[in-house]
Amino acid sequence: MKLKRFVFVAILSWITIITASAQTPAEKQVAAAVDTLYKAMVDANKITLSKLTAAELSFGHSSGKVEDKAAFIDALVSGKSDFTSIATSNQTITITGDVAIVRHILNGEILDGGKPGTVNLGILLVWKKQQKRWILLARQAYKVP
């Protein structure tokens, strides 16, 4: 029984490694941009957030609220929106020309008015390649039960 379990885990690990390494260089760049965005959101890093987002940013929340670039960055830097951690799962990246569509589940820890809480959201990100860099053009969140 232990041998069967070992073989199953070994095959599953091998499939995971093969799948992860199947990303194209562009998909790896987009995935890195997503990671950098979420780190900057947790750190409330105004400079990185500004560099990663388009001037025309449309940032949609699961509540239906939509922010432009200035409001999105201000909410994080001022602490109105305060993420203490962000993790993603089930991420897919589709690239067509200079546009990338990213979907994933976001699990985050937040401080809402100083009160700890959690969020579990489905996320759609639209990235556009500008001057050899991926820039966030739009984001929409929806609540996941």
Protein backbone atom coordinates (compact mmCIF):
# COMPACT_ATOMS: atom_id res chain seq x y z
CA MET A 1 0.00 0.00 0.00
CA LYS A 2 2.86 2.38 0.83
CA LEU A 3 4.47 1.66 -2.54
CA LYS A 4 1.25 2.55 -4.39
CA ARG A 5 0.96 5.80 -2.43
CA PHE A 6 4.62 6.63 -3.16
CA VAL A 7 4.16 5.95 -6.89
CA PHE A 8 0.99 8.06 -6.96
CA VAL A 9 2.72 10.99 -5.21
CA ALA A 10 5.75 10.66 -7.50
CA ILE A 11 3.59 10.71 -10.64
CA LEU A 12 1.54 13.65 -9.35
CA SER A 13 4.75 15.57 -8.56
CA TRP A 14 6.16 14.83 -12.00
CA ILE A 15 2.96 16.06 -13.69
CA THR A 16 3.07 19.26 -11.61
CA ILE A 17 6.67 19.91 -12.59
CA ILE A 18 5.97 19.27 -16.28
CA THR A 19 2.90 21.53 -16.22
CA ALA A 20 4.73 24.34 -14.43
CA SER A 21 7.66 24.20 -16.81
CA ALA A 22 5.30 24.29 -19.80
CA GLN A 23 4.81 28.04 -19.38
CA THR A 24 6.09 30.19 -22.21
CA PRO A 25 8.56 32.98 -21.42
CA ALA A 26 5.74 35.54 -21.82
CA GLU A 27 3.50 33.61 -19.42
CA LYS A 28 6.34 33.52 -16.90
CA GLN A 29 6.74 37.31 -17.24
CA VAL A 30 3.02 37.85 -16.65
CA ALA A 31 3.03 35.48 -13.65
CA ALA A 32 5.96 37.43 -12.20
CA ALA A 33 4.08 40.71 -12.75
CA VAL A 34 1.07 39.29 -10.87
CA ASP A 35 3.32 38.25 -7.97
CA THR A 36 4.98 41.68 -7.93
CA LEU A 37 1.57 43.41 -7.96
CA TYR A 38 0.33 41.43 -4.97
CA LYS A 39 3.56 41.98 -3.03
CA ALA A 40 3.26 45.73 -3.72
CA MET A 41 -0.38 45.67 -2.55
CA VAL A 42 0.59 43.99 0.74
CA ASP A 43 3.55 46.36 1.19
CA ALA A 44 1.47 49.41 0.05
CA ASN A 45 4.43 50.28 -2.19
CA LYS A 46 3.29 53.37 -4.08
CA ILE A 47 6.21 53.41 -6.54
CA THR A 48 5.83 49.77 -7.59
CA LEU A 49 2.04 50.04 -7.79
CA SER A 50 2.38 53.08 -10.03
CA LYS A 51 4.90 51.37 -12.33
CA LEU A 52 2.76 48.22 -12.66
CA THR A 53 -0.55 49.92 -13.49
CA ALA A 54 -1.74 51.71 -16.62
CA ALA A 55 -2.85 55.34 -16.48
CA GLU A 56 -6.26 54.06 -17.68
CA LEU A 57 -6.55 51.42 -14.92
CA SER A 58 -10.07 50.16 -14.15
CA PHE A 59 -9.92 48.32 -10.81
CA GLY A 60 -13.20 46.57 -10.01
CA HIS A 61 -14.00 45.28 -6.54
CA SER A 62 -16.34 42.43 -5.65
CA SER A 63 -18.71 45.01 -4.13
CA GLY A 64 -19.18 46.62 -7.55
CA LYS A 65 -17.02 49.63 -6.72
CA VAL A 66 -14.64 50.61 -9.53
CA GLU A 67 -11.52 52.71 -8.93
CA ASP A 68 -9.15 54.48 -11.26
CA LYS A 69 -5.37 54.29 -10.82
CA ALA A 70 -5.14 57.16 -8.34
CA ALA A 71 -7.96 55.87 -6.12
CA PHE A 72 -6.62 52.28 -6.20
CA ILE A 73 -3.13 53.34 -5.13
CA ASP A 74 -4.40 55.86 -2.56
CA ALA A 75 -6.62 53.26 -0.88
CA LEU A 76 -3.63 50.97 -0.35
CA VAL A 77 -1.08 53.63 0.62
CA SER A 78 -3.49 55.38 3.04
CA GLY A 79 -4.46 52.08 4.68
CA LYS A 80 -8.15 52.30 3.69
CA SER A 81 -7.54 48.99 1.91
CA ASP A 82 -5.05 47.00 3.98
CA PHE A 83 -3.96 43.55 2.84
CA THR A 84 -1.68 41.71 5.26
CA SER A 85 -1.28 38.69 2.95
CA ILE A 86 -2.36 37.54 -0.50
CA ALA A 87 -2.16 34.03 -1.93
CA THR A 88 -3.45 32.78 -5.27
CA SER A 89 -4.48 29.40 -6.61
CA ASN A 90 -5.80 27.87 -9.84
CA GLN A 91 -4.12 30.53 -11.96
CA THR A 92 -4.46 30.50 -15.74
CA ILE A 93 -2.75 32.86 -18.16
CA THR A 94 -3.84 33.36 -21.75
CA ILE A 95 -1.82 35.64 -24.02
CA THR A 96 -3.00 37.04 -27.34
CA GLY A 97 -0.56 39.46 -28.93
CA ASP A 98 0.25 42.15 -26.39
CA VAL A 99 -2.69 41.35 -24.07
CA ALA A 100 -2.70 38.80 -21.24
CA ILE A 101 -5.75 37.56 -19.39
CA VAL A 102 -5.12 36.12 -15.95
CA ARG A 103 -7.70 34.32 -13.83
CA HIS A 104 -7.20 32.91 -10.35
CA ILE A 105 -8.63 32.59 -6.88
CA LEU A 106 -7.29 35.11 -4.37
CA ASN A 107 -7.25 34.34 -0.67
CA GLY A 108 -6.21 37.27 1.47
CA GLU A 109 -5.94 38.46 5.00
CA ILE A 110 -7.10 42.05 5.52
CA LEU A 111 -7.46 44.67 8.21
CA ASP A 112 -10.80 46.39 7.72
CA GLY A 113 -10.76 49.46 9.96
CA GLY A 114 -8.20 47.67 12.12
CA LYS A 115 -10.38 44.56 12.35
CA PRO A 116 -8.82 41.37 10.90
CA GLY A 117 -10.73 39.56 8.18
CA THR A 118 -10.35 37.31 5.17
CA VAL A 119 -11.35 37.53 1.52
CA ASN A 120 -11.93 34.71 -0.94
CA LEU A 121 -12.31 36.15 -4.44
CA GLY A 122 -12.28 35.13 -8.05
CA ILE A 123 -10.07 37.54 -9.99
CA LEU A 124 -9.81 38.53 -13.63
CA LEU A 125 -6.75 40.62 -14.56
CA VAL A 126 -6.08 42.15 -17.96
CA TRP A 127 -2.43 43.03 -18.66
CA LYS A 128 -1.06 44.89 -21.67
CA LYS A 129 2.55 44.79 -22.79
CA GLN A 130 3.95 48.31 -23.11
CA GLN A 131 7.61 49.04 -23.80
CA LYS A 132 8.63 45.44 -23.00
CA ARG A 133 6.80 45.46 -19.62
CA TRP A 134 3.43 44.02 -18.60
CA ILE A 135 1.14 46.72 -17.20
CA LEU A 136 -2.18 46.09 -15.43
CA LEU A 137 -5.01 47.60 -17.46
CA ALA A 138 -8.06 46.15 -15.67
CA ARG A 139 -9.06 43.99 -12.74
CA GLN A 140 -12.43 42.60 -11.72
CA ALA A 141 -13.15 40.62 -8.56
CA TYR A 142 -16.14 38.50 -7.64
CA LYS A 143 -17.04 36.76 -4.40
CA VAL A 144 -16.38 33.04 -4.22
CA PRO A 145 -18.59 31.12 -1.77
